[in-house]
Amino acid sequence: QVQLVESGGGLVQAGDSLKLSCAASGVTSSTYNMGWFRQAPGKEREFVAVMHWSTGSTYYADSVKGRFTISRDNAKNTVYLQMNSLKPEDTDVYYCAADRSHPLYMAVRDREYDDWGQGTQVTVSS
């Protein structure tokens, strides 16, 4: 099992930037994808970005492509989500997740992930 702790959320204005961090413990060679999702109250969890752990390949939701960047620091076992040009519609709770079941592709569905962090709130004011 992978333990995940997110941090870095906050209240910002439209156009600002934030960098979320996800500290992971228990990461092994059987950790295949690390992803970021977001969820608003009463809505389904939405895919944001994923990094395939062994290849470093990344993939983004269309709504954040060109504005958000997923990256990692292997030495710190930390995954980041750099969010630029934030919009009010980016307001959500952001979750980090680990996939230990799908080694051959980048998982983009929340049901494909095994471990989740507690989430960090991002609020973007207009």
Protein backbone atom coordinates (compact mmCIF):
# COMPACT_ATOMS: atom_id res chain seq x y z
CA GLN A 1 0.00 0.00 0.00
CA VAL A 2 1.16 3.52 -0.83
CA GLN A 3 0.55 6.30 1.68
CA LEU A 4 -0.05 9.71 0.14
CA VAL A 5 -0.14 13.14 1.73
CA GLU A 6 -1.04 16.19 -0.33
CA SER A 7 -0.15 19.78 0.50
CA GLY A 8 0.08 23.17 -1.14
CA GLY A 9 -3.55 24.06 -1.63
CA GLY A 10 -4.92 27.47 -0.82
CA LEU A 11 -6.88 30.51 -1.89
CA VAL A 12 -5.60 32.40 -4.92
CA GLN A 13 -6.89 34.82 -7.52
CA ALA A 14 -7.61 33.99 -11.12
CA GLY A 15 -4.41 33.98 -13.13
CA ASP A 16 -2.24 33.01 -10.18
CA SER A 17 -0.20 29.84 -9.77
CA LEU A 18 -0.05 27.11 -7.15
CA LYS A 19 2.14 24.05 -6.77
CA LEU A 20 0.66 21.02 -5.09
CA SER A 21 2.85 18.34 -3.56
CA CYS A 22 2.11 14.70 -2.87
CA ALA A 23 4.53 12.95 -0.55
CA ALA A 24 4.42 9.21 -1.16
CA SER A 25 5.68 6.43 1.07
CA GLY A 26 5.63 2.76 0.22
CA VAL A 27 6.33 3.35 -3.47
CA THR A 28 7.81 0.23 -5.07
CA SER A 29 8.44 -1.11 -8.55
CA SER A 30 4.78 -2.17 -8.50
CA THR A 31 3.63 1.44 -8.44
CA TYR A 32 2.72 2.03 -12.06
CA ASN A 33 0.97 5.38 -12.24
CA MET A 34 0.70 8.45 -10.06
CA GLY A 35 -2.25 10.66 -10.80
CA TRP A 36 -3.98 13.84 -9.76
CA PHE A 37 -7.75 14.10 -9.61
CA ARG A 38 -10.13 16.78 -8.41
CA GLN A 39 -13.63 16.82 -7.06
CA ALA A 40 -16.23 19.44 -6.26
CA PRO A 41 -19.02 18.81 -3.75
CA GLY A 42 -21.79 16.73 -5.30
CA LYS A 43 -19.79 15.99 -8.43
CA GLU A 44 -17.83 12.99 -9.63
CA ARG A 45 -14.08 12.86 -9.24
CA GLU A 46 -12.40 14.24 -12.35
CA PHE A 47 -9.09 13.19 -13.86
CA VAL A 48 -6.48 15.96 -14.04
CA ALA A 49 -3.06 14.47 -14.84
CA VAL A 50 -1.08 11.25 -14.68
CA MET A 51 2.55 10.21 -14.78
CA HIS A 52 3.54 6.68 -15.69
CA TRP A 53 6.06 5.94 -13.00
CA SER A 54 8.60 3.87 -14.91
CA THR A 55 8.66 5.84 -18.17
CA GLY A 56 7.90 9.31 -16.88
CA SER A 57 5.30 9.76 -19.59
CA THR A 58 2.54 12.21 -18.77
CA TYR A 59 -1.01 12.85 -19.88
CA TYR A 60 -3.44 15.65 -19.06
CA ALA A 61 -7.12 16.38 -19.15
CA ASP A 62 -8.01 18.78 -21.94
CA SER A 63 -9.26 21.30 -19.39
CA VAL A 64 -5.79 21.72 -17.88
CA LYS A 65 -3.49 20.98 -20.80
CA GLY A 66 -0.96 23.74 -21.28
CA ARG A 67 -1.62 25.17 -17.81
CA PHE A 68 -0.82 22.30 -15.41
CA THR A 69 2.34 20.21 -15.23
CA ILE A 70 2.85 16.97 -13.32
CA SER A 71 6.40 16.20 -12.22
CA ARG A 72 8.27 14.19 -9.63
CA ASP A 73 11.31 14.16 -7.41
CA ASN A 74 12.43 10.55 -7.16
CA ALA A 75 14.79 11.25 -4.28
CA LYS A 76 11.94 12.64 -2.23
CA ASN A 77 9.27 10.25 -3.55
CA THR A 78 7.16 13.30 -4.19
CA VAL A 79 4.85 14.11 -7.06
CA TYR A 80 3.98 17.69 -7.91
CA LEU A 81 1.23 19.46 -9.78
CA GLN A 82 2.25 22.89 -10.97
CA MET A 83 -0.89 24.87 -11.76
CA ASN A 84 -0.56 28.08 -13.74
CA SER A 85 -3.13 30.53 -15.09
CA LEU A 86 -5.67 29.29 -12.59
CA LYS A 87 -9.34 29.85 -13.29
CA PRO A 88 -12.32 29.92 -10.92
CA GLU A 89 -13.49 26.65 -12.47
CA ASP A 90 -10.31 25.01 -11.16
CA THR A 91 -11.71 25.36 -7.64
CA ASP A 92 -11.92 21.83 -6.20
CA VAL A 93 -10.41 19.45 -3.72
CA TYR A 94 -7.35 17.95 -5.37
CA TYR A 95 -6.35 14.35 -4.70
CA CYS A 96 -3.17 12.44 -5.38
CA ALA A 97 -3.53 8.74 -6.18
CA ALA A 98 -1.34 5.69 -6.82
CA ASP A 99 -2.11 2.87 -9.23
CA ARG A 100 -0.57 -0.52 -8.45
CA SER A 101 -2.57 -2.54 -10.96
CA HIS A 102 -2.02 -1.25 -14.52
CA PRO A 103 1.61 -1.40 -15.64
CA LEU A 104 1.09 -1.04 -19.38
CA TYR A 105 -0.80 2.22 -19.75
CA MET A 106 -1.50 5.55 -18.10
CA ALA A 107 -4.57 5.18 -15.95
CA VAL A 108 -7.09 8.03 -16.17
CA ARG A 109 -10.13 6.58 -14.36
CA ASP A 110 -10.39 6.95 -10.63
CA ARG A 111 -11.51 3.32 -10.24
CA GLU A 112 -8.12 2.25 -11.64
CA TYR A 113 -6.30 3.68 -8.64
CA ASP A 114 -5.63 1.81 -5.43
CA ASP A 115 -4.43 4.41 -2.94
CA TRP A 116 -5.58 7.97 -2.27
CA GLY A 117 -4.47 10.94 -0.26
CA GLN A 118 -6.76 13.00 1.92
CA GLY A 119 -7.02 15.86 -0.55
CA THR A 120 -6.09 19.53 -0.51
CA GLN A 121 -8.48 22.41 -1.22
CA VAL A 122 -7.76 24.80 -4.06
CA THR A 123 -9.96 27.87 -4.31
CA VAL A 124 -9.59 30.35 -7.15
CA SER A 125 -11.43 33.65 -6.82
CA SER A 126 -12.44 35.75 -9.80
